[in-house]
Structures are given as C-alpha cells and as structure tokens.
C-alpha atoms as a PDB file:
ATOM      1  CA  MET A   1      89.098  93.831  68.692  1.00  0.00           C
ATOM      2  CA  CYS A   2      85.832  94.128  70.390  1.00  0.00           C
ATOM      3  CA  PRO A   3      82.562  93.480  68.791  1.00  0.00           C
ATOM      4  CA  ARG A   4      79.470  95.281  69.372  1.00  0.00           C
ATOM      5  CA  SER A   5      78.286  92.959  71.601  1.00  0.00           C
ATOM      6  CA  LEU A   6      78.210  89.463  72.898  1.00  0.00           C
ATOM      7  CA  PRO A   7      75.577  87.019  74.659  1.00  0.00           C
ATOM      8  CA  THR A   8      75.907  87.185  78.326  1.00  0.00           C
ATOM      9  CA  SER A   9      75.761  84.319  80.625  1.00  0.00           C
ATOM     10  CA  PRO A  10      72.852  84.750  83.484  1.00  0.00           C
ATOM     11  CA  THR A  11      75.259  82.558  86.085  1.00  0.00           C
ATOM     12  CA  THR A  12      77.798  85.252  86.116  1.00  0.00           C
ATOM     13  CA  PRO A  13      77.418  88.456  88.193  1.00  0.00           C
ATOM     14  CA  GLY A  14      78.238  91.519  86.688  1.00  0.00           C
ATOM     15  CA  THR A  15      78.167  90.605  83.299  1.00  0.00           C
ATOM     16  CA  ALA A  16      74.832  92.317  81.735  1.00  0.00           C
ATOM     17  CA  PRO A  17      75.605  95.103  79.606  1.00  0.00           C
ATOM     18  CA  LEU A  18      76.572  98.045  81.763  1.00  0.00           C
ATOM     19  CA  PRO A  19      75.335 101.705  80.707  1.00  0.00           C
ATOM     20  CA  ALA A  20      77.451 104.913  81.239  1.00  0.00           C
ATOM     21  CA  GLU A  21      75.267 105.839  83.811  1.00  0.00           C
ATOM     22  CA  ALA A  22      75.605 103.030  86.291  1.00  0.00           C
ATOM     23  CA  LEU A  23      79.514 102.643  85.577  1.00  0.00           C
ATOM     24  CA  THR A  24      82.080 104.373  87.769  1.00  0.00           C
ATOM     25  CA  LEU A  25      85.818 103.632  87.732  1.00  0.00           C
ATOM     26  CA  SER A  26      88.408 102.788  90.597  1.00  0.00           C
ATOM     27  CA  ILE A  27      92.280 102.548  89.199  1.00  0.00           C
ATOM     28  CA  ILE A  28      94.044 100.566  91.645  1.00  0.00           C
ATOM     29  CA  ILE A  29      97.850 101.152  90.942  1.00  0.00           C
ATOM     30  CA  PRO A  30     100.465  98.657  93.209  1.00  0.00           C
ATOM     31  CA  THR A  31     103.625 100.372  94.076  1.00  0.00           C
ATOM     32  CA  TYR A  32     107.082  99.896  95.612  1.00  0.00           C
ATOM     33  CA  ASN A  33     109.664 102.470  95.695  1.00  0.00           C
ATOM     34  CA  GLU A  34     108.120 104.677  92.689  1.00  0.00           C
ATOM     35  CA  ALA A  35     108.822 108.056  93.135  1.00  0.00           C
ATOM     36  CA  ALA A  36     110.110 108.604  89.989  1.00  0.00           C
ATOM     37  CA  THR A  37     107.096 107.623  87.937  1.00  0.00           C
ATOM     38  CA  VAL A  38     104.165 108.234  90.466  1.00  0.00           C
ATOM     39  CA  VAL A  39     103.511 112.275  90.219  1.00  0.00           C
ATOM     40  CA  SER A  40     103.522 112.319  86.322  1.00  0.00           C
ATOM     41  CA  LEU A  41     101.222 109.003  85.921  1.00  0.00           C
ATOM     42  CA  LEU A  42      98.806 110.512  88.190  1.00  0.00           C
ATOM     43  CA  ALA A  43      98.988 113.805  86.558  1.00  0.00           C
ATOM     44  CA  TYR A  44      97.992 112.013  83.554  1.00  0.00           C
ATOM     45  CA  LEU A  45      95.193 110.035  84.877  1.00  0.00           C
ATOM     46  CA  ARG A  46      94.030 113.077  86.597  1.00  0.00           C
ATOM     47  CA  GLN A  47      93.727 114.934  83.237  1.00  0.00           C
ATOM     48  CA  PRO A  48      89.690 115.682  82.775  1.00  0.00           C
ATOM     49  CA  THR A  49      88.162 114.713  79.029  1.00  0.00           C
ATOM     50  CA  ALA A  50      84.837 115.714  78.314  1.00  0.00           C
ATOM     51  CA  GLY A  51      82.627 112.311  78.539  1.00  0.00           C
ATOM     52  CA  GLU A  52      84.562 110.288  80.383  1.00  0.00           C
ATOM     53  CA  LEU A  53      84.606 109.158  83.802  1.00  0.00           C
ATOM     54  CA  THR A  54      86.305 110.796  86.469  1.00  0.00           C
ATOM     55  CA  PRO A  55      88.429 107.933  88.269  1.00  0.00           C
ATOM     56  CA  GLU A  56      88.493 106.899  91.962  1.00  0.00           C
ATOM     57  CA  ILE A  57      92.577 106.567  91.930  1.00  0.00           C
ATOM     58  CA  ILE A  58      93.947 104.132  94.565  1.00  0.00           C
ATOM     59  CA  VAL A  59      97.819 103.807  94.596  1.00  0.00           C
ATOM     60  CA  ALA A  60      98.493 100.870  97.172  1.00  0.00           C
ATOM     61  CA  ASP A  61     101.570 100.756  98.339  1.00  0.00           C
ATOM     62  CA  GLY A  62     103.472  97.853  99.615  1.00  0.00           C
ATOM     63  CA  GLY A  63     105.788  99.798 101.953  1.00  0.00           C
ATOM     64  CA  SER A  64     107.916 102.140  99.915  1.00  0.00           C
ATOM     65  CA  THR A  65     110.998 103.682 101.454  1.00  0.00           C
ATOM     66  CA  ASP A  66     110.918 106.652  99.147  1.00  0.00           C
ATOM     67  CA  ALA A  67     108.550 109.119  98.358  1.00  0.00           C
ATOM     68  CA  THR A  68     106.420 107.174  96.992  1.00  0.00           C
ATOM     69  CA  ARG A  69     103.296 107.309  99.255  1.00  0.00           C
ATOM     70  CA  GLN A  70     103.513 110.947 100.293  1.00  0.00           C
ATOM     71  CA  LEU A  71     104.320 112.652  96.360  1.00  0.00           C
ATOM     72  CA  ALA A  72     100.991 110.372  95.439  1.00  0.00           C
ATOM     73  CA  ARG A  73      98.831 111.864  98.114  1.00  0.00           C
ATOM     74  CA  GLN A  74      99.938 115.493  97.448  1.00  0.00           C
ATOM     75  CA  ALA A  75      98.880 114.226  93.803  1.00  0.00           C
ATOM     76  CA  GLY A  76      95.854 113.547  95.055  1.00  0.00           C
ATOM     77  CA  ALA A  77      95.568 109.618  95.704  1.00  0.00           C
ATOM     78  CA  THR A  78      93.582 107.911  97.994  1.00  0.00           C
ATOM     79  CA  VAL A  79      96.907 105.979  99.500  1.00  0.00           C
ATOM     80  CA  LEU A  80      96.981 102.944 101.158  1.00  0.00           C
ATOM     81  CA  HIS A  81      99.700 100.732 103.047  1.00  0.00           C
ATOM     82  CA  CYS A  82      99.029  97.285 102.093  1.00  0.00           C
ATOM     83  CA  PRO A  83      99.941  94.976 105.105  1.00  0.00           C
ATOM     84  CA  ARG A  84     101.646  92.418 102.624  1.00  0.00           C
ATOM     85  CA  ARG A  85     104.073  92.984  99.879  1.00  0.00           C
ATOM     86  CA  GLY A  86     103.441  92.019  96.377  1.00  0.00           C
ATOM     87  CA  ARG A  87     101.496  92.767  93.371  1.00  0.00           C
ATOM     88  CA  ALA A  88      98.642  90.283  94.011  1.00  0.00           C
ATOM     89  CA  ALA A  89      98.046  91.052  97.398  1.00  0.00           C
ATOM     90  CA  GLN A  90      98.435  94.874  96.981  1.00  0.00           C
ATOM     91  CA  MET A  91      95.836  95.194  94.068  1.00  0.00           C
ATOM     92  CA  ASN A  92      93.590  92.673  96.428  1.00  0.00           C
ATOM     93  CA  HIS A  93      93.975  95.270  99.359  1.00  0.00           C
ATOM     94  CA  GLY A  94      93.307  97.967  96.498  1.00  0.00           C
ATOM     95  CA  ALA A  95      90.331  96.391  95.222  1.00  0.00           C
ATOM     96  CA  ARG A  96      88.521  95.928  98.639  1.00  0.00           C
ATOM     97  CA  HIS A  97      88.509  99.774  99.197  1.00  0.00           C
ATOM     98  CA  ALA A  98      87.758 100.622  95.763  1.00  0.00           C
ATOM     99  CA  GLN A  99      84.262 102.402  95.399  1.00  0.00           C
ATOM    100  CA  GLY A 100      83.994 101.573  91.348  1.00  0.00           C
ATOM    101  CA  THR A 101      81.698  99.366  89.398  1.00  0.00           C
ATOM    102  CA  LEU A 102      84.456  98.896  87.319  1.00  0.00           C
ATOM    103  CA  LEU A 103      88.019  98.043  88.593  1.00  0.00           C
ATOM    104  CA  TYR A 104      91.513  98.860  86.770  1.00  0.00           C
ATOM    105  CA  PHE A 105      94.832  97.606  87.440  1.00  0.00           C
ATOM    106  CA  LEU A 106      97.245  99.548  86.324  1.00  0.00           C
ATOM    107  CA  HIS A 107     100.874  99.463  87.062  1.00  0.00           C
ATOM    108  CA  ALA A 108     103.360 102.365  87.854  1.00  0.00           C
ATOM    109  CA  ASP A 109     105.395 102.734  85.148  1.00  0.00           C
ATOM    110  CA  SER A 110     102.615 102.213  82.220  1.00  0.00           C
ATOM    111  CA  ILE A 111     101.053 104.810  80.719  1.00  0.00           C
ATOM    112  CA  PRO A 112      97.062 104.128  78.911  1.00  0.00           C
ATOM    113  CA  PRO A 113      96.476 105.340  75.836  1.00  0.00           C
ATOM    114  CA  SER A 114      94.744 108.318  75.597  1.00  0.00           C
ATOM    115  CA  GLY A 115      90.661 108.310  75.741  1.00  0.00           C
ATOM    116  CA  PHE A 116      91.203 105.210  77.552  1.00  0.00           C
ATOM    117  CA  ARG A 117      88.441 105.741  79.743  1.00  0.00           C
ATOM    118  CA  HIS A 118      85.594 105.630  76.384  1.00  0.00           C
ATOM    119  CA  ASP A 119      87.418 102.410  75.888  1.00  0.00           C
ATOM    120  CA  LEU A 120      86.369 100.904  79.117  1.00  0.00           C
ATOM    121  CA  GLN A 121      82.769 102.153  78.918  1.00  0.00           C
ATOM    122  CA  ARG A 122      82.275 100.817  75.573  1.00  0.00           C
ATOM    123  CA  ALA A 123      83.820  97.124  76.718  1.00  0.00           C
ATOM    124  CA  MET A 124      81.595  97.540  79.448  1.00  0.00           C
ATOM    125  CA  ALA A 125      78.433  98.651  77.196  1.00  0.00           C
ATOM    126  CA  GLN A 126      78.808  95.832  75.068  1.00  0.00           C
ATOM    127  CA  GLY A 127      78.730  92.855  77.605  1.00  0.00           C
ATOM    128  CA  TYR A 128      82.298  92.247  78.309  1.00  0.00           C
ATOM    129  CA  GLY A 129      83.305  90.979  81.703  1.00  0.00           C
ATOM    130  CA  SER A 130      87.270  92.179  81.785  1.00  0.00           C
ATOM    131  CA  GLY A 131      89.639  92.887  79.337  1.00  0.00           C
ATOM    132  CA  SER A 132      93.170  94.572  78.587  1.00  0.00           C
ATOM    133  CA  PHE A 133      95.086  96.470  76.017  1.00  0.00           C
ATOM    134  CA  ARG A 134      97.688  95.670  73.931  1.00  0.00           C
ATOM    135  CA  LEU A 135     101.443  96.722  74.763  1.00  0.00           C
ATOM    136  CA  ALA A 136     104.623  99.286  73.795  1.00  0.00           C
ATOM    137  CA  PHE A 137     107.628  99.756  74.974  1.00  0.00           C
ATOM    138  CA  ASP A 138     109.170 103.368  75.598  1.00  0.00           C
ATOM    139  CA  SER A 139     111.972 101.522  73.490  1.00  0.00           C
ATOM    140  CA  THR A 140     112.893 101.010  69.687  1.00  0.00           C
ATOM    141  CA  HIS A 141     114.658  98.028  70.446  1.00  0.00           C
ATOM    142  CA  TRP A 142     113.603  95.048  67.711  1.00  0.00           C
ATOM    143  CA  LEU A 143     112.757  92.788  70.174  1.00  0.00           C
ATOM    144  CA  LEU A 144     110.712  94.654  72.395  1.00  0.00           C
ATOM    145  CA  ILE A 145     108.900  95.991  69.268  1.00  0.00           C
ATOM    146  CA  PHE A 146     107.918  92.603  67.958  1.00  0.00           C
ATOM    147  CA  SER A 147     107.642  91.235  71.393  1.00  0.00           C
ATOM    148  CA  ALA A 148     104.812  94.447  71.370  1.00  0.00           C
ATOM    149  CA  TRP A 149     103.265  93.174  68.091  1.00  0.00           C
ATOM    150  CA  CYS A 150     102.893  89.765  69.729  1.00  0.00           C
ATOM    151  CA  THR A 151     100.235  91.252  72.086  1.00  0.00           C
ATOM    152  CA  ARG A 152      97.134  91.950  69.224  1.00  0.00           C
ATOM    153  CA  LEU A 153      97.557  88.077  69.039  1.00  0.00           C
ATOM    154  CA  PRO A 154      94.293  86.779  70.632  1.00  0.00           C
ATOM    155  CA  PHE A 155      96.329  84.117  72.620  1.00  0.00           C
ATOM    156  CA  THR A 156      96.181  83.727  76.810  1.00  0.00           C
ATOM    157  CA  ALA A 157      99.688  83.396  77.239  1.00  0.00           C
ATOM    158  CA  LEU A 158     100.259  86.778  75.782  1.00  0.00           C
ATOM    159  CA  ARG A 159      98.201  88.498  78.363  1.00  0.00           C
ATOM    160  CA  PHE A 160     100.336  90.463  81.190  1.00  0.00           C
ATOM    161  CA  GLY A 161     100.302  92.687  83.716  1.00  0.00           C
ATOM    162  CA  ASP A 162     101.934  95.780  81.703  1.00  0.00           C
ATOM    163  CA  GLN A 163      99.430  95.710  79.442  1.00  0.00           C
ATOM    164  CA  SER A 164      96.775  96.673  82.347  1.00  0.00           C
ATOM    165  CA  LEU A 165      93.632  94.685  83.263  1.00  0.00           C
ATOM    166  CA  PHE A 166      89.912  96.337  83.717  1.00  0.00           C
ATOM    167  CA  VAL A 167      87.318  93.794  85.352  1.00  0.00           C
ATOM    168  CA  ARG A 168      84.051  94.126  87.045  1.00  0.00           C
ATOM    169  CA  CYS A 169      84.203  94.691  90.472  1.00  0.00           C
ATOM    170  CA  LYS A 170      81.537  92.047  91.097  1.00  0.00           C
ATOM    171  CA  LEU A 171      82.961  89.471  88.779  1.00  0.00           C
ATOM    172  CA  PHE A 172      86.418  90.142  90.302  1.00  0.00           C
ATOM    173  CA  GLU A 173      84.691  88.922  93.588  1.00  0.00           C
ATOM    174  CA  HIS A 174      82.958  86.092  91.722  1.00  0.00           C
ATOM    175  CA  VAL A 175      86.430  84.982  90.855  1.00  0.00           C
ATOM    176  CA  GLY A 176      88.051  85.491  94.349  1.00  0.00           C
ATOM    177  CA  GLY A 177      90.438  88.279  93.033  1.00  0.00           C
ATOM    178  CA  PHE A 178      94.606  87.883  92.070  1.00  0.00           C
ATOM    179  CA  ARG A 179      95.630  84.430  94.113  1.00  0.00           C
ATOM    180  CA  GLU A 180      98.262  86.249  96.649  1.00  0.00           C
ATOM    181  CA  GLU A 181     100.438  82.598  96.897  1.00  0.00           C
ATOM    182  CA  LEU A 182     101.865  83.720  93.589  1.00  0.00           C
ATOM    183  CA  LEU A 183     104.727  86.520  93.520  1.00  0.00           C
ATOM    184  CA  VAL A 184     105.342  85.912  89.359  1.00  0.00           C
ATOM    185  CA  MET A 185     102.603  85.080  86.965  1.00  0.00           C
ATOM    186  CA  GLU A 186      99.500  86.167  89.146  1.00  0.00           C
ATOM    187  CA  ASP A 187      98.306  88.234  86.519  1.00  0.00           C
ATOM    188  CA  GLN A 188      98.175  84.933  83.736  1.00  0.00           C
ATOM    189  CA  GLU A 189      96.582  83.350  85.970  1.00  0.00           C
ATOM    190  CA  ILE A 190      93.573  85.261  87.050  1.00  0.00           C
ATOM    191  CA  ILE A 191      92.958  86.011  83.526  1.00  0.00           C
ATOM    192  CA  HIS A 192      92.508  82.521  83.038  1.00  0.00           C
ATOM    193  CA  ARG A 193      89.826  82.267  85.580  1.00  0.00           C
ATOM    194  CA  LEU A 194      88.481  85.727  84.008  1.00  0.00           C
ATOM    195  CA  GLN A 195      88.108  84.474  80.660  1.00  0.00           C
ATOM    196  CA  ALA A 196      86.053  81.208  81.764  1.00  0.00           C
ATOM    197  CA  GLN A 197      83.213  83.282  83.400  1.00  0.00           C
ATOM    198  CA  ALA A 198      82.953  86.173  80.916  1.00  0.00           C
ATOM    199  CA  PRO A 199      84.210  87.493  77.594  1.00  0.00           C
ATOM    200  CA  PHE A 200      87.297  88.906  77.378  1.00  0.00           C
ATOM    201  CA  CYS A 201      87.774  92.161  75.810  1.00  0.00           C
ATOM    202  CA  LEU A 202      91.663  92.702  73.933  1.00  0.00           C
ATOM    203  CA  VAL A 203      91.071  96.664  73.200  1.00  0.00           C
ATOM    204  CA  PRO A 204      93.015  97.308  70.127  1.00  0.00           C
ATOM    205  CA  ARG A 205      95.507 100.312  71.499  1.00  0.00           C
ATOM    206  CA  ALA A 206      98.437 100.425  73.728  1.00  0.00           C
ATOM    207  CA  VAL A 207      99.403 100.881  76.916  1.00  0.00           C
ATOM    208  CA  LEU A 208     102.688 102.506  76.842  1.00  0.00           C
ATOM    209  CA  THR A 209     104.941 100.542  79.452  1.00  0.00           C
ATOM    210  CA  SER A 210     109.060 101.714  80.764  1.00  0.00           C
ATOM    211  CA  ALA A 211     111.650  99.457  79.433  1.00  0.00           C
ATOM    212  CA  ARG A 212     113.574 100.294  82.271  1.00  0.00           C
ATOM    213  CA  LYS A 213     114.126  96.384  83.515  1.00  0.00           C
ATOM    214  CA  TYR A 214     115.616  96.019  80.127  1.00  0.00           C
ATOM    215  CA  ARG A 215     117.884  98.368  80.152  1.00  0.00           C
ATOM    216  CA  THR A 216     119.069  97.117  83.338  1.00  0.00           C
ATOM    217  CA  ASN A 217     119.097  93.847  82.759  1.00  0.00           C
ATOM    218  CA  GLY A 218     119.910  93.432  78.849  1.00  0.00           C
ATOM    219  CA  VAL A 219     116.628  93.367  76.372  1.00  0.00           C
ATOM    220  CA  ILE A 220     117.845  90.169  74.961  1.00  0.00           C
ATOM    221  CA  ARG A 221     118.726  87.941  78.322  1.00  0.00           C
ATOM    222  CA  LEU A 222     115.503  89.634  80.044  1.00  0.00           C
ATOM    223  CA  GLN A 223     113.384  88.651  77.599  1.00  0.00           C
ATOM    224  CA  GLY A 224     115.141  85.209  77.564  1.00  0.00           C
ATOM    225  CA  ILE A 225     114.550  85.024  81.174  1.00  0.00           C
ATOM    226  CA  PHE A 226     110.881  86.268  81.537  1.00  0.00           C
ATOM    227  CA  THR A 227     109.739  83.518  78.506  1.00  0.00           C
ATOM    228  CA  GLY A 228     112.048  80.707  80.891  1.00  0.00           C
ATOM    229  CA  ILE A 229     110.086  81.352  83.568  1.00  0.00           C
ATOM    230  CA  ALA A 230     106.186  81.628  81.668  1.00  0.00           C
ATOM    231  CA  LEU A 231     107.457  78.562  80.068  1.00  0.00           C
ATOM    232  CA  LEU A 232     108.242  76.459  83.704  1.00  0.00           C
ATOM    233  CA  TYR A 233     105.201  78.276  84.992  1.00  0.00           C
ATOM    234  CA  TRP A 234     103.292  76.502  82.484  1.00  0.00           C
ATOM    235  CA  VAL A 235     104.635  73.086  82.812  1.00  0.00           C
ATOM    236  CA  GLY A 236     103.395  73.190  86.837  1.00  0.00           C
ATOM    237  CA  VAL A 237     107.027  74.499  88.317  1.00  0.00           C
ATOM    238  CA  PRO A 238     106.010  75.416  91.544  1.00  0.00           C
ATOM    239  CA  GLN A 239     106.034  79.156  92.535  1.00  0.00           C
ATOM    240  CA  ARG A 240     108.790  78.831  94.829  1.00  0.00           C
ATOM    241  CA  TYR A 241     111.069  78.320  92.366  1.00  0.00           C
ATOM    242  CA  LEU A 242     110.135  80.681  89.916  1.00  0.00           C
ATOM    243  CA  VAL A 243     110.402  83.342  92.276  1.00  0.00           C
ATOM    244  CA  ARG A 244     114.266  82.217  93.454  1.00  0.00           C
ATOM    245  CA  ILE A 245     114.859  81.957  89.313  1.00  0.00           C
ATOM    246  CA  TYR A 246     113.557  85.664  89.467  1.00  0.00           C
ATOM    247  CA  GLN A 247     115.228  87.170  92.191  1.00  0.00           C
ATOM    248  CA  ARG A 248     118.253  84.942  91.246  1.00  0.00           C
ATOM    249  CA  PHE A 249     118.278  86.457  87.767  1.00  0.00           C
ATOM    250  CA  ILE A 250     116.985  89.763  87.544  1.00  0.00           C
ATOM    251  CA  ARG A 251     117.923  93.230  88.912  1.00  0.00           C
END
C-alpha cells in the first residue's frame, strides 16, 4: 500500500508531488489481433467518472491482420501503426506520441479496477514516480488464484506487465523507455530501472486480466514455462534463447 507521502529526489526529473490540476493521462495499449477484446476495453476506459481524469487513449498496433485498428478507431482511440512489432517497441512508439504528463501502459486483455484514475492521481500527488496494481485472473483455478495473491508481496520479481504500469512521462524519458531488444521480460527490466530512480507504488487493488493463454496451454504447464523463463532471465540467459523457448512451447 502507498503511504501518504514520500521524500523525493531533486536529481531525478518528474518526482515532485504532482497536483491534480497538473496531471494529464495517456493510456497506451499495445495490440496485435485484439479485435475480440479491444472494443469492450475501450468502452470501459472511456466511461466518464466524476472527479477523474479524462484520458487520452492510444492503441499502439503491431500490424494486426484482423479488425483491431478499425474497431479501436471507431471506439474513439488514437490508433498508431507501429513500425516495429513487439510489446516494448509498440509501447515506446505510443509513448512518443502521447501528450499526457502520466503514462499508463495497459495490456489489451486486462481491465483496471473501477476508480483506477483516482488511484493514479493519488500516487502522483504523493510523489511516486511509477507504480502498478496487484493482479487478478478471470479464472478460479487454484494456481492462478495463488499467483495473483503473490502480487501483493513487495518484491520486484513479482511485478509483470499484466499488472499494468503507470509512470511519469519525464521519468520514463529519463530512464530511456523500454528496451526494445527485449521481446520477453521487458516489463521486469524497466521496473528495476524505475525503482532505482524514484519511489514505486504498488496500489492495493487488482487489475483483472484474461487467463485465455492459460486455458489454451494448460494452467500448470504454462505457469511452469513462465517461471522457467523468468529464472533463466534472472541468471543471465541471453534474450534469443528465452524467445526461442517462448515460441517453441507457448501457443
């Protein structure tokens, strides 16, 4: 849970408390063939709520072959056709076109909790540089319930992109954005750099994410693969081998 206030570093840009009147929000959603989810997500994000920020919504598309871009544009999002496919590259491309003082990176199959914009405003007013939410799956499988429970623990190793990530634009620029050569674990890598520069807020509410990949690959099997990839990443196995494992074993 985020405390009321934190000391900030005068050497790190964009970490002073940011009052509501100075805060503008850009939600950046990387997509690839997300026609089945993008309309309902955008409708949810665009629901007006009293006292909350009205966000700019950017869909950073990696070359979808379905109707993702058309549907997102019809739903009112700014749609970018990214020159390079890959979540890190797409999110960086979205960030370069964003107008907000706060960037919120959200997966297309994840839904932030009701009132999430108040959470973001509160974290910025308290002087946090970046942060994420806890995680919940749309599944009752015991392993996914346990995995989601673990995201309340204050360990960087348990922070992943499904939890979404919010970061001040100036801080994001200061750390150089996502590393585009990383096709897996790009979320873990940037969080380490962000935490080294400014306080990180773990909001005690959950983003609801789809378990569709688990249903396709098998919950225990896929969780084992993800854990193995994470362990290999942490011991320094090169990215090309991690990507090879991902592509070979995950559908």
